């Protein structure tokens, strides 16, 4: 084995050890992975497994879902600035796009309407309603509604549960949601 190859292997091993140490340190904090993003005025942003779109007086939250797993997006709305205008599950399509495939995932879409100036908090939790465990995922949206019910800004924070064995949410499957 040449000197260059030994040093390359040693550098690779050192890099792998450093990465493992960083991942171990992150796991020790006990905090779950989070992503935060925001939009002011009309616009949209992506979430892990979904999106948020603001168009004038409407806020649309679309999240990956699959009702066959037993998971559902449970919604809680705090504040008087918004109201729930729609909650529907959109089936996924077959690979040729012709029809929904039985047991496949899709998208849970929540639509909110701006009502009056003020603030509102929308909490969406991805869980199995019969289990007394923390939700697999949680999205918290802070929304400010301006004059005439126009949505001024929306900020979202998404938290994913730490994997504890096999997780159906981690495989890209989701669930249909009903308002709580």
Protein backbone atom coordinates (compact mmCIF):
# COMPACT_ATOMS: atom_id res chain seq x y z
CA UNK A 1 0.00 0.00 0.00
CA UNK A 2 1.46 3.34 -1.04
CA UNK A 3 2.00 6.29 1.28
CA UNK A 4 -0.62 8.41 -0.53
CA UNK A 5 -3.23 5.70 -0.21
CA UNK A 6 -2.54 5.26 3.53
CA UNK A 7 -2.91 8.99 4.14
CA UNK A 8 -6.14 9.07 2.08
CA UNK A 9 -7.56 6.19 4.11
CA UNK A 10 -6.50 7.82 7.38
CA UNK A 11 -8.09 11.13 6.35
CA UNK A 12 -11.30 9.33 5.41
CA UNK A 13 -11.40 7.52 8.76
CA UNK A 14 -10.68 10.76 10.62
CA UNK A 15 -13.48 12.55 8.75
CA UNK A 16 -15.91 9.69 9.51
CA UNK A 17 -14.97 9.78 13.22
CA UNK A 18 -15.47 13.55 13.34
CA UNK A 19 -18.89 13.25 11.68
CA UNK A 20 -19.93 10.50 14.11
CA UNK A 21 -18.83 12.67 17.05
CA UNK A 22 -20.85 15.64 15.76
CA UNK A 23 -23.92 13.48 15.22
CA UNK A 24 -23.53 11.99 18.70
CA UNK A 25 -23.23 15.48 20.21
CA UNK A 26 -26.37 16.61 18.36
CA UNK A 27 -28.26 13.55 19.63
CA UNK A 28 -27.22 14.30 23.22
CA UNK A 29 -28.97 17.66 23.20
CA UNK A 30 -32.34 15.89 23.34
CA UNK A 31 -33.81 18.39 20.89
CA UNK A 32 -35.65 17.18 17.83
CA UNK A 33 -34.75 18.42 14.35
CA UNK A 34 -36.46 21.70 13.49
CA UNK A 35 -36.87 23.82 10.40
CA UNK A 36 -38.17 27.38 10.48
CA UNK A 37 -39.10 29.61 7.60
CA UNK A 38 -41.38 32.57 6.86
CA UNK A 39 -43.07 34.67 4.19
CA UNK A 40 -44.25 38.29 4.22
CA UNK A 41 -47.14 39.15 1.94
CA UNK A 42 -48.00 36.84 -0.94
CA UNK A 43 -45.61 33.97 -1.50
CA UNK A 44 -44.77 30.46 -0.46
CA UNK A 45 -42.10 28.35 1.19
CA UNK A 46 -41.32 24.66 1.48
CA UNK A 47 -41.45 22.52 4.58
CA UNK A 48 -39.99 19.04 4.93
CA UNK A 49 -42.84 17.07 3.38
CA UNK A 50 -45.05 20.01 2.56
CA UNK A 51 -45.48 23.67 1.76
CA UNK A 52 -47.12 26.89 2.93
CA UNK A 53 -48.65 29.38 0.52
CA UNK A 54 -50.07 32.83 1.23
CA UNK A 55 -52.31 34.51 -1.35
CA UNK A 56 -54.01 37.71 -0.15
CA UNK A 57 -56.49 36.60 2.53
CA UNK A 58 -55.84 32.84 2.23
CA UNK A 59 -53.23 30.62 3.82
CA UNK A 60 -52.84 27.10 2.42
CA UNK A 61 -50.81 24.45 4.24
CA UNK A 62 -50.13 21.24 2.28
CA UNK A 63 -48.55 18.28 4.10
CA UNK A 64 -47.64 14.74 3.06
CA UNK A 65 -50.22 12.32 4.39
CA UNK A 66 -51.33 8.67 4.22
CA UNK A 67 -54.46 7.64 6.12
CA UNK A 68 -53.68 3.92 5.75
CA UNK A 69 -50.90 4.23 8.37
CA UNK A 70 -53.29 5.44 11.05
CA UNK A 71 -51.54 8.79 11.28
CA UNK A 72 -53.60 11.95 10.91
CA UNK A 73 -52.89 15.68 10.95
CA UNK A 74 -54.77 17.10 13.95
CA UNK A 75 -55.36 20.86 13.78
CA UNK A 76 -55.72 23.44 16.56
CA UNK A 77 -56.34 27.12 15.83
CA UNK A 78 -55.72 29.78 18.51
CA UNK A 79 -56.72 33.39 17.89
CA UNK A 80 -59.56 35.14 16.10
CA UNK A 81 -57.67 36.45 13.07
CA UNK A 82 -58.13 33.26 10.99
CA UNK A 83 -60.75 30.60 10.41
CA UNK A 84 -60.47 27.15 8.86
CA UNK A 85 -62.00 27.36 5.38
CA UNK A 86 -61.12 23.88 4.12
CA UNK A 87 -59.55 20.55 5.07
CA UNK A 88 -59.19 17.92 2.36
CA UNK A 89 -57.08 14.89 1.51
CA UNK A 90 -55.79 14.74 -2.06
CA UNK A 91 -54.93 11.19 -3.14
CA UNK A 92 -51.58 10.45 -4.69
CA UNK A 93 -51.49 9.26 -8.29
CA UNK A 94 -50.15 6.11 -9.90
CA UNK A 95 -46.82 6.38 -11.69
CA UNK A 96 -48.64 6.99 -14.98
CA UNK A 97 -50.81 9.67 -13.32
CA UNK A 98 -54.08 7.98 -14.27
CA UNK A 99 -55.53 7.06 -10.87
CA UNK A 100 -54.93 6.93 -7.15
CA UNK A 101 -53.22 3.78 -5.91
CA UNK A 102 -54.91 2.02 -2.99
CA UNK A 103 -52.83 2.49 0.19
CA UNK A 104 -50.66 5.22 -1.30
CA UNK A 105 -50.04 8.55 0.33
CA UNK A 106 -51.16 11.93 -0.82
CA UNK A 107 -51.45 15.45 0.54
CA UNK A 108 -53.52 16.84 3.40
CA UNK A 109 -54.45 20.41 2.55
CA UNK A 110 -55.65 22.94 5.12
CA UNK A 111 -56.96 26.29 3.88
CA UNK A 112 -57.38 29.22 6.27
CA UNK A 113 -59.17 32.50 5.63
CA UNK A 114 -58.02 35.81 7.12
CA UNK A 115 -60.86 37.41 9.10
CA UNK A 116 -59.70 40.44 11.04
CA UNK A 117 -56.51 42.24 12.03
CA UNK A 118 -54.59 40.32 14.67
CA UNK A 119 -52.53 37.21 15.23
CA UNK A 120 -53.31 33.51 15.15
CA UNK A 121 -51.40 30.32 15.85
CA UNK A 122 -52.11 27.18 13.84
CA UNK A 123 -50.76 23.93 15.30
CA UNK A 124 -50.80 20.78 13.18
CA UNK A 125 -49.74 17.52 14.81
CA UNK A 126 -49.14 14.30 12.87
CA UNK A 127 -50.21 11.53 15.18
CA UNK A 128 -52.24 8.41 15.74
CA UNK A 129 -55.17 9.75 17.78
CA UNK A 130 -55.46 6.62 19.93
CA UNK A 131 -51.81 6.67 21.02
CA UNK A 132 -50.62 8.70 24.00
CA UNK A 133 -47.26 9.50 22.47
CA UNK A 134 -45.75 12.70 21.20
CA UNK A 135 -46.66 13.44 17.58
CA UNK A 136 -44.36 12.18 14.83
CA UNK A 137 -44.25 15.68 13.36
CA UNK A 138 -45.58 19.04 14.39
CA UNK A 139 -45.97 22.26 12.42
CA UNK A 140 -46.63 25.53 14.27
CA UNK A 141 -47.56 28.56 12.20
CA UNK A 142 -47.60 32.11 13.57
CA UNK A 143 -49.79 34.22 11.33
CA UNK A 144 -50.37 37.98 11.32
CA UNK A 145 -53.47 39.25 9.57
CA UNK A 146 -53.63 42.90 8.54
CA UNK A 147 -56.46 45.19 7.47
CA UNK A 148 -59.30 43.69 5.42
CA UNK A 149 -58.25 40.17 6.45
CA UNK A 150 -55.15 40.22 4.23
CA UNK A 151 -52.43 37.95 5.59
CA UNK A 152 -49.39 40.11 6.31
CA UNK A 153 -46.95 37.35 7.21
CA UNK A 154 -46.69 33.71 8.23
CA UNK A 155 -43.82 31.91 9.93
CA UNK A 156 -43.65 28.14 10.37
CA UNK A 157 -41.61 25.91 12.58
CA UNK A 158 -41.62 22.17 11.91
CA UNK A 159 -40.46 19.65 14.49
CA UNK A 160 -39.88 15.98 13.77
CA UNK A 161 -39.83 13.35 16.51
CA UNK A 162 -36.63 11.48 17.17
CA UNK A 163 -36.70 8.10 15.41
CA UNK A 164 -37.49 5.32 17.87
CA UNK A 165 -37.26 2.18 15.80
CA UNK A 166 -39.42 1.97 12.73
CA UNK A 167 -41.30 5.15 11.78
CA UNK A 168 -43.96 5.34 9.11
CA UNK A 169 -43.55 9.13 8.85
CA UNK A 170 -39.86 8.76 8.02
CA UNK A 171 -40.66 6.61 5.01
CA UNK A 172 -42.54 9.44 3.37
CA UNK A 173 -45.97 8.23 4.40
CA UNK A 174 -48.38 10.56 6.11
CA UNK A 175 -52.00 10.61 7.13
CA UNK A 176 -55.25 12.31 6.50
CA UNK A 177 -56.24 14.99 8.99
CA UNK A 178 -59.45 16.00 10.66
CA UNK A 179 -59.83 19.19 12.59
CA UNK A 180 -59.60 18.75 16.33
